[in-house]
């Protein structure tokens, strides 16, 4: 993705000397804040682990969280480093066009609220595979659902891991390759500990704490920026436009997108992936199973919309504040995608580079960004390990004959394996532009997961073949299109800078792969010799809409 949003995590890997210089003078403060967060969350994880007795506790936190608590945890899961760092940077460099990302992310929750949250909570038990297997052949659809979940999670996880390792390396002044690998490994070990010890309960509490920290940190910087302009939004926007060097164009559409038909098409493709992909992200979907009722699931999404909406409104102030108070050249010198705009703004609003206030705010925002990444990687790891253990190990390999104890043990061991894979790939990708990996996660979720969920819940004729065609077709098409797009090769910002083998012109495959996923689901169904069971669909429909028989 060329989008600054998706370069957020990758950009941390190449953040420039401005942030490093400010961080080096007060490194003990940064280390202390990081240490306090890690110790506190590990203590909570150990406490939660003692409360984890069975599979329902490990996968769904015992379904004991309230709508507000789950909404807060969903917010913590959703507001990743890409949101926090990327949107502020996009607005700082591109003004109005950067602001469009906030809209896409927020609108996405309407899809989750209206179409997915309540029916999914009623229809499944722990994973997306439960919903599909209710009225179809278990082994093939669970294998497909598990494969899709793990692929989405691994690529999303890889981006977060690589970004976390390099961000921490940068702030701690570690420049050697070995040092960066050690940091990535330590982040991975923390992630494994959160999930294996605490399960869903521990992960949920970590995400709730992270959401509070992120909102508090963002609120503080927002207040200080507005205070500097006497809470006059017009003055803030005016100075941002003047300081950007673009004048009034900075506040109008077209600075980043709209220059030609290809860029417009690319933005439309990105928007589709953002809006539709969110409702298919596995680490978001499993959160609906942590509440006791469908009503609580709906409430949790309502809370998430409110919290996330407030957060994105504040990122607008952060972005335009950075444009108004920082030199555009300094932002670009620190990071071409503007990723470090928020930390630089925190340093500037606190008194500037070298000042104690600036160092404190820089350390706080950096620690919050680190907390953000840790919480997200824990959620992703839990989603992928749960899907492997519950869908593939228990229902495919063991054919439903495994005990709950064996199932939880398999989930914990798969967490270790997936964590090890993420550590290895994150270490290898530490110097790469990992933007395409996040794009791939959203594209797969929108292309493979969402069509099968919606068809399964709302289409009576949907069959096993339709589900398989939809999942594998969406998965393969999105992967292939990204591999042969400018994200991977052909441009200075590509993952492999020296190569040029792209033929797909767009940097997001959503506009092709998402309709293809829906089309293949329909085509596979109408060409299938298998007949859907109308009684099973009727049972699923009653269950999804009323909650009768739901866990």
Protein backbone atom coordinates (compact mmCIF):
# COMPACT_ATOMS: atom_id res chain seq x y z
CA UNK A 1 0.00 0.00 0.00
CA UNK A 2 1.26 3.46 -0.79
CA UNK A 3 -1.17 4.74 1.82
CA UNK A 4 0.58 6.35 4.77
CA UNK A 5 -1.79 4.47 7.03
CA UNK A 6 -0.34 1.18 5.95
CA UNK A 7 3.20 2.49 6.03
CA UNK A 8 2.68 3.33 9.68
CA UNK A 9 4.26 0.26 11.17
CA UNK A 10 6.82 -0.04 8.40
CA UNK A 11 7.69 3.60 8.75
CA UNK A 12 8.69 3.09 12.32
CA UNK A 13 11.47 0.95 10.97
CA UNK A 14 13.00 3.90 9.14
CA UNK A 15 12.11 6.74 11.45
CA UNK A 16 14.79 9.37 11.29
CA UNK A 17 17.17 11.12 13.53
CA UNK A 18 14.81 13.73 15.01
CA UNK A 19 12.93 11.31 17.22
CA UNK A 20 16.06 9.34 18.00
CA UNK A 21 17.87 12.45 19.09
CA UNK A 22 15.09 13.44 21.46
CA UNK A 23 14.83 9.92 22.80
CA UNK A 24 18.55 9.40 23.41
CA UNK A 25 18.77 12.13 26.02
CA UNK A 26 16.05 10.60 28.18
CA UNK A 27 16.39 6.91 27.42
CA UNK A 28 16.12 5.86 31.09
CA UNK A 29 12.66 7.46 31.23
CA UNK A 30 11.54 5.57 28.13
CA UNK A 31 12.91 2.28 29.47
CA UNK A 32 11.17 2.87 32.80
CA UNK A 33 7.80 3.51 31.15
CA UNK A 34 8.19 0.43 28.93
CA UNK A 35 9.18 -1.64 31.97
CA UNK A 36 6.23 -0.46 34.06
CA UNK A 37 3.77 -1.38 31.32
CA UNK A 38 5.31 -4.81 30.75
CA UNK A 39 5.45 -5.67 34.49
CA UNK A 40 1.87 -4.48 35.10
CA UNK A 41 0.41 -6.37 32.15
CA UNK A 42 2.36 -9.55 32.94
CA UNK A 43 1.03 -9.43 36.50
CA UNK A 44 -2.53 -9.13 35.16
CA UNK A 45 -1.86 -11.97 32.72
CA UNK A 46 -0.70 -14.26 35.54
CA UNK A 47 -3.78 -13.36 37.57
CA UNK A 48 -6.04 -14.06 34.58
CA UNK A 49 -4.24 -17.34 33.93
CA UNK A 50 -5.22 -18.57 37.38
CA UNK A 51 -8.86 -17.93 36.48
CA UNK A 52 -8.59 -19.94 33.23
CA UNK A 53 -10.04 -23.38 33.90
CA UNK A 54 -11.46 -24.66 30.61
CA UNK A 55 -11.75 -24.01 26.86
CA UNK A 56 -14.49 -21.39 27.33
CA UNK A 57 -12.17 -19.45 29.63
CA UNK A 58 -9.18 -19.72 27.28
CA UNK A 59 -11.04 -18.91 24.05
CA UNK A 60 -13.80 -16.59 25.26
CA UNK A 61 -12.79 -15.39 28.72
CA UNK A 62 -15.62 -17.39 30.24
CA UNK A 63 -18.07 -15.08 28.40
CA UNK A 64 -17.97 -12.89 31.51
CA UNK A 65 -17.11 -9.47 30.05
CA UNK A 66 -19.72 -6.73 29.92
CA UNK A 67 -20.62 -4.81 26.79
CA UNK A 68 -18.53 -1.83 27.93
CA UNK A 69 -15.51 -3.96 28.83
CA UNK A 70 -15.65 -5.80 25.53
CA UNK A 71 -16.14 -2.52 23.65
CA UNK A 72 -13.03 -1.16 25.33
CA UNK A 73 -11.11 -4.35 24.45
CA UNK A 74 -12.33 -4.22 20.84
CA UNK A 75 -11.09 -0.64 20.69
CA UNK A 76 -7.74 -1.77 22.01
CA UNK A 77 -7.63 -4.54 19.42
CA UNK A 78 -8.64 -2.23 16.57
CA UNK A 79 -6.61 0.92 17.25
CA UNK A 80 -3.25 -0.41 16.15
CA UNK A 81 -0.01 1.46 15.56
CA UNK A 82 -1.19 2.00 11.99
CA UNK A 83 -4.17 3.97 13.29
CA UNK A 84 -2.30 5.89 15.96
CA UNK A 85 0.84 6.78 14.00
CA UNK A 86 -0.35 6.42 10.43
CA UNK A 87 -3.47 8.58 10.35
CA UNK A 88 -1.81 11.47 12.18
CA UNK A 89 1.08 11.27 9.72
CA UNK A 90 -1.20 11.04 6.71
CA UNK A 91 -3.09 14.18 7.79
CA UNK A 92 0.15 16.01 8.61
CA UNK A 93 1.42 15.48 5.05
CA UNK A 94 -1.75 15.33 2.95
CA UNK A 95 -4.36 17.26 4.93
CA UNK A 96 -7.90 16.45 3.84
CA UNK A 97 -6.91 13.31 1.94
CA UNK A 98 -5.25 11.94 5.06
CA UNK A 99 -8.42 12.61 7.03
CA UNK A 100 -10.32 10.25 4.71
CA UNK A 101 -8.72 7.26 6.45
CA UNK A 102 -10.50 8.11 9.68
CA UNK A 103 -13.82 8.00 7.85
CA UNK A 104 -13.09 4.61 6.31
CA UNK A 105 -12.16 3.02 9.63
CA UNK A 106 -15.19 4.39 11.43
CA UNK A 107 -17.72 3.48 8.72
CA UNK A 108 -16.36 -0.07 8.85
CA UNK A 109 -17.93 -0.52 12.27
CA UNK A 110 -21.41 0.03 10.88
CA UNK A 111 -20.92 -3.12 8.78
CA UNK A 112 -19.81 -5.03 11.87
CA UNK A 113 -22.70 -3.68 13.95
CA UNK A 114 -25.51 -4.15 11.46
CA UNK A 115 -24.48 -7.42 9.80
CA UNK A 116 -22.04 -9.41 11.91
CA UNK A 117 -21.89 -8.78 15.67
CA UNK A 118 -25.17 -10.18 16.97
CA UNK A 119 -25.69 -13.09 14.50
CA UNK A 120 -22.08 -14.19 14.89
CA UNK A 121 -22.30 -14.18 18.68
CA UNK A 122 -25.45 -16.33 18.55
CA UNK A 123 -24.31 -18.73 15.83
CA UNK A 124 -20.77 -19.62 16.81
CA UNK A 125 -18.96 -20.86 19.85
CA UNK A 126 -15.33 -19.78 19.59
CA UNK A 127 -14.36 -19.17 15.94
CA UNK A 128 -15.65 -18.25 12.49
CA UNK A 129 -15.41 -21.94 11.57
CA UNK A 130 -18.20 -22.71 14.06
CA UNK A 131 -20.63 -20.56 12.07
CA UNK A 132 -19.77 -22.18 8.73
CA UNK A 133 -19.75 -25.73 10.10
CA UNK A 134 -23.24 -25.40 11.56
CA UNK A 135 -24.93 -26.13 8.24
CA UNK A 136 -22.10 -27.50 6.08
CA UNK A 137 -19.60 -30.34 6.03
CA UNK A 138 -17.35 -29.73 8.99
CA UNK A 139 -13.89 -30.88 7.95
CA UNK A 140 -13.48 -28.99 4.64
CA UNK A 141 -15.02 -25.70 5.81
CA UNK A 142 -13.18 -25.73 9.14
CA UNK A 143 -9.90 -26.39 7.31
CA UNK A 144 -10.61 -23.49 4.95
CA UNK A 145 -11.70 -21.15 7.75
CA UNK A 146 -8.67 -22.07 9.86
CA UNK A 147 -6.31 -21.55 6.93
CA UNK A 148 -7.78 -18.14 6.12
CA UNK A 149 -7.69 -17.04 9.77
CA UNK A 150 -4.07 -18.07 10.20
CA UNK A 151 -2.97 -16.38 6.96
CA UNK A 152 -4.70 -13.10 7.86
CA UNK A 153 -3.32 -13.19 11.39
CA UNK A 154 0.24 -14.10 10.39
CA UNK A 155 0.57 -11.28 7.87
CA UNK A 156 -1.02 -8.74 10.20
CA UNK A 157 1.10 -10.09 13.05
CA UNK A 158 4.28 -9.90 10.98
CA UNK A 159 3.72 -6.22 10.25
CA UNK A 160 3.12 -5.43 13.92
CA UNK A 161 6.09 -7.52 15.08
CA UNK A 162 8.52 -5.94 12.64
CA UNK A 163 7.27 -2.47 13.50
CA UNK A 164 7.45 -3.13 17.24
CA UNK A 165 11.00 -4.42 17.06
CA UNK A 166 12.33 -1.55 15.02
CA UNK A 167 10.37 1.12 16.92
CA UNK A 168 11.82 -0.06 20.22
CA UNK A 169 15.28 -0.42 18.67
CA UNK A 170 15.08 3.15 17.45
CA UNK A 171 13.97 4.60 20.79
CA UNK A 172 16.57 2.61 22.72
CA UNK A 173 19.34 3.53 20.31
CA UNK A 174 19.97 -0.02 19.09
CA UNK A 175 21.44 0.02 15.60
CA UNK A 176 23.00 -3.43 15.11
CA UNK A 177 21.14 -6.15 13.26
CA UNK A 178 21.68 -8.54 16.17
CA UNK A 179 20.19 -6.01 18.60
CA UNK A 180 17.11 -5.58 16.42
CA UNK A 181 16.62 -9.34 16.22
CA UNK A 182 16.84 -9.54 20.01
CA UNK A 183 14.16 -6.83 20.37
CA UNK A 184 11.85 -8.62 17.92
CA UNK A 185 12.41 -11.84 19.87
CA UNK A 186 11.61 -10.19 23.20
CA UNK A 187 8.38 -8.74 21.80
CA UNK A 188 7.47 -12.19 20.49
CA UNK A 189 8.19 -13.84 23.85
CA UNK A 190 5.96 -11.30 25.61
CA UNK A 191 3.21 -11.99 23.11
CA UNK A 192 3.49 -15.74 23.67
CA UNK A 193 3.39 -15.28 27.45
CA UNK A 194 0.26 -13.11 27.28
CA UNK A 195 -1.66 -15.72 25.30
CA UNK A 196 -0.37 -19.00 26.76
CA UNK A 197 -0.67 -17.88 30.38
CA UNK A 198 -3.66 -15.55 30.30
CA UNK A 199 -5.69 -16.77 27.33
CA UNK A 200 -8.61 -14.56 26.36
CA UNK A 201 -9.00 -13.17 29.87
CA UNK A 202 -5.43 -11.96 30.07
CA UNK A 203 -5.42 -10.68 26.49
CA UNK A 204 -8.69 -8.81 27.04
CA UNK A 205 -7.42 -7.01 30.14
CA UNK A 206 -4.20 -6.06 28.33
CA UNK A 207 -6.26 -4.65 25.47
CA UNK A 208 -8.49 -2.71 27.85
CA UNK A 209 -5.48 -1.16 29.61
CA UNK A 210 -3.89 -0.33 26.29
CA UNK A 211 -7.10 1.34 25.06
CA UNK A 212 -7.25 3.52 28.18
CA UNK A 213 -3.57 4.48 27.81
CA UNK A 214 -3.99 5.27 24.12
CA UNK A 215 -7.10 7.39 24.63
CA UNK A 216 -5.49 9.20 27.59
CA UNK A 217 -2.26 9.91 25.70
CA UNK A 218 -4.11 11.08 22.61
CA UNK A 219 -6.47 13.21 24.70
CA UNK A 220 -3.52 14.88 26.46
CA UNK A 221 -1.76 15.83 23.23
CA UNK A 222 -5.07 16.94 21.67
CA UNK A 223 -5.81 19.19 24.66
CA UNK A 224 -2.33 20.75 24.57
CA UNK A 225 -2.55 21.42 20.82
CA UNK A 226 -5.98 23.02 21.12
CA UNK A 227 -4.79 25.03 24.13
CA UNK A 228 -1.96 26.45 22.04
CA UNK A 229 -4.55 27.76 19.58
CA UNK A 230 -6.98 28.90 22.30
CA UNK A 231 -9.36 26.11 21.22
CA UNK A 232 -9.93 27.88 17.91
CA UNK A 233 -10.15 25.16 15.26
CA UNK A 234 -10.17 27.73 12.45
CA UNK A 235 -6.81 29.13 13.58
CA UNK A 236 -5.38 25.61 13.81
CA UNK A 237 -6.49 24.69 10.29
CA UNK A 238 -5.36 28.04 8.91
CA UNK A 239 -1.86 27.74 10.32
CA UNK A 240 -1.66 24.10 9.19
CA UNK A 241 -2.54 25.14 5.63
CA UNK A 242 -0.01 28.00 5.67
CA UNK A 243 2.76 25.93 7.23
CA UNK A 244 2.21 23.01 4.85
CA UNK A 245 3.34 25.01 1.85
CA UNK A 246 0.19 23.96 -0.01
CA UNK A 247 -2.08 26.79 1.09
CA UNK A 248 -5.82 26.21 0.85
CA UNK A 249 -5.22 23.03 -1.20
CA UNK A 250 -4.15 21.39 2.05
CA UNK A 251 -7.73 21.60 3.29
CA UNK A 252 -9.29 20.39 0.05
CA UNK A 253 -9.43 16.92 -1.55
CA UNK A 254 -6.91 15.94 -4.20
CA UNK A 255 -3.50 16.43 -2.61
CA UNK A 256 -2.88 12.69 -2.37
CA UNK A 257 -5.69 11.14 -4.40
CA UNK A 258 -7.68 12.27 -7.39
CA UNK A 259 -4.73 13.33 -9.53
CA UNK A 260 -5.66 10.74 -12.15
CA UNK A 261 -8.17 7.96 -12.66
CA UNK A 262 -5.73 5.30 -11.42
CA UNK A 263 -5.22 7.02 -8.06
CA UNK A 264 -9.00 7.41 -7.69
CA UNK A 265 -9.46 3.71 -8.40
CA UNK A 266 -6.71 2.84 -5.94
CA UNK A 267 -8.39 4.88 -3.21
CA UNK A 268 -11.74 3.21 -3.92
CA UNK A 269 -10.03 -0.18 -3.65
CA UNK A 270 -8.41 0.81 -0.37
CA UNK A 271 -11.73 2.08 0.97
CA UNK A 272 -13.48 -1.19 0.13
CA UNK A 273 -10.78 -3.18 1.92
CA UNK A 274 -10.96 -0.99 5.02
CA UNK A 275 -14.74 -0.86 5.27
CA UNK A 276 -15.44 -4.52 4.49
CA UNK A 277 -12.25 -6.07 5.85
CA UNK A 278 -12.84 -4.99 9.42
CA UNK A 279 -15.94 -7.20 9.78
CA UNK A 280 -13.87 -10.18 8.66
CA UNK A 281 -10.73 -9.68 10.79
CA UNK A 282 -10.37 -12.81 12.96
CA UNK A 283 -9.03 -11.03 16.05
CA UNK A 284 -12.10 -8.75 15.96
CA UNK A 285 -14.58 -11.57 15.29
CA UNK A 286 -13.51 -13.66 18.29
CA UNK A 287 -14.19 -10.72 20.60
CA UNK A 288 -17.95 -11.17 20.06
CA UNK A 289 -17.76 -14.53 21.87
CA UNK A 290 -16.45 -13.02 25.13
CA UNK A 291 -19.80 -11.53 26.18
CA UNK A 292 -22.71 -13.47 27.74
CA UNK A 293 -25.47 -12.41 25.33
CA UNK A 294 -26.05 -11.10 21.82
CA UNK A 295 -27.38 -7.88 23.35
CA UNK A 296 -24.03 -7.42 25.08
CA UNK A 297 -22.25 -8.06 21.76
CA UNK A 298 -24.31 -5.31 20.14
CA UNK A 299 -23.59 -2.99 23.06
CA UNK A 300 -19.89 -3.72 22.82
CA UNK A 301 -19.86 -2.62 19.18
CA UNK A 302 -21.79 0.53 20.12
CA UNK A 303 -19.18 1.31 22.78
CA UNK A 304 -16.39 0.54 20.31
CA UNK A 305 -17.89 2.92 17.74
CA UNK A 306 -18.03 5.69 20.34
CA UNK A 307 -14.50 5.12 21.66
CA UNK A 308 -12.93 4.63 18.25
CA UNK A 309 -14.86 7.57 16.81
CA UNK A 310 -13.59 9.85 19.57
CA UNK A 311 -10.07 8.58 18.98
CA UNK A 312 -10.17 9.28 15.24
CA UNK A 313 -11.55 12.76 15.86
CA UNK A 314 -8.55 13.41 18.07
CA UNK A 315 -6.14 12.11 15.43
CA UNK A 316 -7.45 14.90 13.18
CA UNK A 317 -6.22 17.43 15.75
CA UNK A 318 -2.92 15.56 16.03
CA UNK A 319 -2.44 15.52 12.27
CA UNK A 320 -3.32 19.14 11.62
CA UNK A 321 -1.47 20.12 14.80
CA UNK A 322 1.69 18.49 13.47
CA UNK A 323 1.22 20.28 10.15
CA UNK A 324 0.76 23.60 11.97
CA UNK A 325 3.59 23.33 14.52
CA UNK A 326 6.23 21.29 12.71
CA UNK A 327 8.05 21.97 9.48
CA UNK A 328 6.97 19.68 6.70
CA UNK A 329 10.61 19.10 5.78
CA UNK A 330 11.37 17.94 9.34
CA UNK A 331 8.46 15.48 9.30
CA UNK A 332 9.58 14.02 5.98
CA UNK A 333 13.22 13.96 7.07
CA UNK A 334 12.21 11.89 10.09
CA UNK A 335 10.04 9.58 8.03
CA UNK A 336 8.88 9.95 4.44
CA UNK A 337 5.40 8.62 5.25
CA UNK A 338 4.95 11.00 8.19
CA UNK A 339 4.77 8.10 10.65
CA UNK A 340 6.68 9.94 13.36
CA UNK A 341 4.51 13.07 13.19
CA UNK A 342 2.65 12.23 16.42
CA UNK A 343 5.79 11.58 18.53
CA UNK A 344 7.44 14.70 17.05
CA UNK A 345 4.33 16.72 17.86
CA UNK A 346 4.37 15.42 21.44
CA UNK A 347 8.00 16.47 21.77
CA UNK A 348 7.30 19.90 20.28
CA UNK A 349 4.18 20.61 22.33
CA UNK A 350 6.04 19.61 25.49
CA UNK A 351 8.76 22.19 24.96
CA UNK A 352 10.78 21.01 22.01
CA UNK A 353 13.81 18.77 21.52
CA UNK A 354 16.13 18.75 24.53
CA UNK A 355 13.50 19.97 26.99
CA UNK A 356 12.36 17.84 29.89
CA UNK A 357 8.68 18.34 29.01
CA UNK A 358 9.29 17.37 25.40
CA UNK A 359 11.23 14.28 26.48
CA UNK A 360 8.50 13.23 28.92
CA UNK A 361 5.74 13.52 26.32
CA UNK A 362 7.87 11.79 23.71
CA UNK A 363 8.53 8.94 26.14
CA UNK A 364 4.84 8.67 27.06
CA UNK A 365 3.65 8.58 23.43
CA UNK A 366 6.39 6.10 22.51
CA UNK A 367 5.40 3.83 25.40
CA UNK A 368 1.75 4.08 24.37
CA UNK A 369 2.69 3.10 20.80
CA UNK A 370 4.59 0.11 22.17
CA UNK A 371 1.63 -0.87 24.35
CA UNK A 372 -0.60 -0.57 21.29
CA UNK A 373 1.51 -3.00 19.31
CA UNK A 374 1.77 -5.53 22.15
CA UNK A 375 -1.99 -5.62 22.68
CA UNK A 376 -2.69 -6.08 18.97
CA UNK A 377 -0.15 -8.89 18.50
CA UNK A 378 -1.59 -10.71 21.52
CA UNK A 379 -5.09 -10.56 20.00
CA UNK A 380 -3.85 -11.74 16.62
CA UNK A 381 -1.91 -14.63 18.12
CA UNK A 382 -4.91 -15.74 20.16
CA UNK A 383 -7.17 -15.64 17.09
CA UNK A 384 -4.84 -17.78 14.98
CA UNK A 385 -3.99 -20.29 17.73
CA UNK A 386 -7.68 -20.64 18.64
CA UNK A 387 -8.61 -21.32 15.04
CA UNK A 388 -5.90 -23.94 14.65
CA UNK A 389 -6.71 -25.73 17.91
CA UNK A 390 -10.51 -25.57 17.71
CA UNK A 391 -11.11 -25.85 13.98
CA UNK A 392 -8.19 -27.86 12.62
CA UNK A 393 -6.84 -29.91 15.55
CA UNK A 394 -10.07 -30.80 17.35
CA UNK A 395 -12.57 -31.01 14.50
CA UNK A 396 -10.38 -32.05 11.54
CA UNK A 397 -7.41 -33.98 12.93
CA UNK A 398 -9.10 -35.48 16.01
CA UNK A 399 -12.59 -35.52 14.41
CA UNK A 400 -14.22 -33.96 17.46
CA UNK A 401 -12.90 -36.53 19.93
CA UNK A 402 -10.37 -34.35 21.79
CA UNK A 403 -11.06 -33.36 25.40
CA UNK A 404 -11.18 -29.72 26.48
CA UNK A 405 -7.86 -30.16 28.26
CA UNK A 406 -6.24 -31.48 25.07
CA UNK A 407 -7.82 -28.64 23.08
CA UNK A 408 -6.44 -25.93 25.36
CA UNK A 409 -3.04 -27.63 25.36
CA UNK A 410 -3.08 -27.63 21.54
CA UNK A 411 -3.99 -23.94 21.54
CA UNK A 412 -1.09 -23.11 23.85
CA UNK A 413 1.40 -25.11 21.80
CA UNK A 414 0.14 -23.56 18.56
CA UNK A 415 0.63 -20.14 20.18
CA UNK A 416 4.28 -21.00 20.74
CA UNK A 417 4.70 -22.20 17.15
CA UNK A 418 2.89 -19.22 15.61
CA UNK A 419 4.87 -16.88 17.88
CA UNK A 420 8.13 -18.50 16.78
CA UNK A 421 7.14 -18.10 13.12
CA UNK A 422 6.24 -14.45 13.74
CA UNK A 423 9.57 -13.85 15.48
CA UNK A 424 11.52 -15.40 12.62
CA UNK A 425 9.63 -13.57 9.88
CA UNK A 426 9.58 -10.32 11.87
CA UNK A 427 13.37 -10.49 12.26
CA UNK A 428 13.80 -11.10 8.52
CA UNK A 429 11.36 -8.30 7.62
CA UNK A 430 12.78 -5.71 10.02
CA UNK A 431 14.27 -3.63 7.18
CA UNK A 432 11.48 -4.20 4.66
CA UNK A 433 8.47 -2.09 3.83
CA UNK A 434 5.84 -4.27 5.49
CA UNK A 435 2.93 -2.10 4.36
CA UNK A 436 1.78 -4.73 1.90
CA UNK A 437 1.47 -7.29 4.69
CA UNK A 438 -1.17 -5.22 6.48
CA UNK A 439 -2.90 -4.56 3.17
CA UNK A 440 -2.94 -8.28 2.52
CA UNK A 441 -4.54 -8.96 5.90
CA UNK A 442 -7.40 -6.56 5.22
CA UNK A 443 -7.80 -7.76 1.63
CA UNK A 444 -7.99 -11.44 2.63
CA UNK A 445 -10.43 -10.69 5.44
CA UNK A 446 -12.72 -8.77 3.08
CA UNK A 447 -12.32 -11.17 0.16
CA UNK A 448 -12.50 -14.56 1.89
CA UNK A 449 -13.93 -14.27 5.40
CA UNK A 450 -16.72 -11.74 5.00
CA UNK A 451 -18.46 -13.26 1.93
CA UNK A 452 -18.62 -16.71 3.53
CA UNK A 453 -19.93 -15.33 6.83
CA UNK A 454 -22.68 -13.29 5.16
CA UNK A 455 -23.67 -16.07 2.76
CA UNK A 456 -23.77 -18.61 5.56
CA UNK A 457 -25.92 -16.39 7.78
CA UNK A 458 -28.32 -15.00 5.19
CA UNK A 459 -28.45 -17.24 2.06
CA UNK A 460 -30.53 -20.39 2.27
CA UNK A 461 -28.99 -22.08 -0.78
CA UNK A 462 -25.34 -21.61 0.28
CA UNK A 463 -23.38 -24.89 0.18
CA UNK A 464 -20.03 -26.29 1.26
CA UNK A 465 -18.63 -25.92 -2.24
CA UNK A 466 -19.68 -22.26 -2.29
CA UNK A 467 -17.92 -21.68 1.01
CA UNK A 468 -14.72 -23.35 -0.18
CA UNK A 469 -14.70 -21.44 -3.47
CA UNK A 470 -15.31 -18.18 -1.67
CA UNK A 471 -12.62 -18.65 0.99
CA UNK A 472 -9.89 -20.11 -1.18
CA UNK A 473 -10.77 -17.91 -4.16
CA UNK A 474 -10.67 -14.73 -2.08
CA UNK A 475 -7.51 -15.87 -0.33
CA UNK A 476 -5.58 -16.83 -3.47
CA UNK A 477 -6.71 -13.86 -5.58
CA UNK A 478 -5.82 -11.28 -2.95
CA UNK A 479 -2.42 -12.86 -2.27
CA UNK A 480 -1.55 -13.14 -5.97
CA UNK A 481 -2.63 -9.57 -6.78
CA UNK A 482 -0.60 -8.16 -3.90
CA UNK A 483 2.46 -10.23 -4.86
CA UNK A 484 2.36 -8.81 -8.38
CA UNK A 485 1.51 -5.25 -7.36
CA UNK A 486 3.78 -2.21 -6.78
CA UNK A 487 3.62 -3.04 -3.06
CA UNK A 488 6.13 -5.86 -3.60
CA UNK A 489 8.24 -4.65 -6.54
CA UNK A 490 8.71 -1.96 -9.15
CA UNK A 491 8.86 1.21 -7.01
CA UNK A 492 11.31 2.82 -4.56
CA UNK A 493 8.78 2.18 -1.77
CA UNK A 494 8.24 -1.49 -2.71
CA UNK A 495 9.11 -4.35 -0.40
CA UNK A 496 11.85 -5.54 -2.76
CA UNK A 497 13.36 -2.36 -4.13
CA UNK A 498 15.71 -3.93 -6.66
CA UNK A 499 13.07 -6.11 -8.33
CA UNK A 500 10.42 -5.28 -10.91
CA UNK A 501 7.89 -8.01 -11.70
CA UNK A 502 4.58 -6.31 -11.02
CA UNK A 503 1.78 -6.29 -13.57
CA UNK A 504 -1.23 -5.41 -11.38
CA UNK A 505 -1.29 -1.57 -11.32
CA UNK A 506 -3.26 -1.00 -8.10
CA UNK A 507 -1.65 -1.15 -4.68
CA UNK A 508 -4.74 -2.63 -3.04
CA UNK A 509 -6.47 -5.65 -4.59
CA UNK A 510 -9.80 -5.07 -2.82
CA UNK A 511 -11.70 -3.75 -5.81
CA UNK A 512 -10.97 -7.01 -7.66
CA UNK A 513 -10.64 -9.68 -4.98
CA UNK A 514 -13.63 -8.66 -2.82
CA UNK A 515 -16.26 -8.91 -5.61
CA UNK A 516 -14.48 -12.06 -6.78
CA UNK A 517 -14.87 -13.62 -3.33
CA UNK A 518 -18.62 -12.93 -3.39
CA UNK A 519 -18.90 -14.08 -7.01
CA UNK A 520 -17.07 -17.36 -6.39
CA UNK A 521 -19.25 -18.05 -3.35
CA UNK A 522 -22.34 -17.65 -5.51
CA UNK A 523 -20.90 -19.57 -8.48
CA UNK A 524 -19.68 -22.46 -6.34
CA UNK A 525 -23.13 -22.76 -4.82
CA UNK A 526 -25.16 -22.68 -8.04
CA UNK A 527 -22.80 -25.19 -9.71
CA UNK A 528 -22.77 -27.51 -6.70
CA UNK A 529 -24.58 -30.84 -6.87
CA UNK A 530 -24.99 -30.67 -3.10
CA UNK A 531 -28.37 -29.46 -1.84
CA UNK A 532 -28.48 -27.13 1.13
CA UNK A 533 -30.47 -28.36 4.11
CA UNK A 534 -33.40 -25.93 4.53
CA UNK A 535 -34.08 -27.16 8.07
CA UNK A 536 -30.50 -26.44 9.13
CA UNK A 537 -30.72 -22.94 7.68
CA UNK A 538 -34.02 -22.34 9.47
CA UNK A 539 -32.42 -23.43 12.75
CA UNK A 540 -29.42 -21.19 12.14
CA UNK A 541 -31.66 -18.27 11.22
CA UNK A 542 -33.70 -18.57 14.41
CA UNK A 543 -30.58 -19.02 16.47
CA UNK A 544 -28.72 -16.08 14.91
CA UNK A 545 -31.64 -13.68 15.24
CA UNK A 546 -33.07 -14.70 18.61
CA UNK A 547 -30.15 -16.25 20.47
CA UNK A 548 -32.08 -19.47 21.14
CA UNK A 549 -29.54 -22.19 21.82
CA UNK A 550 -26.61 -19.77 21.74
CA UNK A 551 -23.65 -20.36 24.04
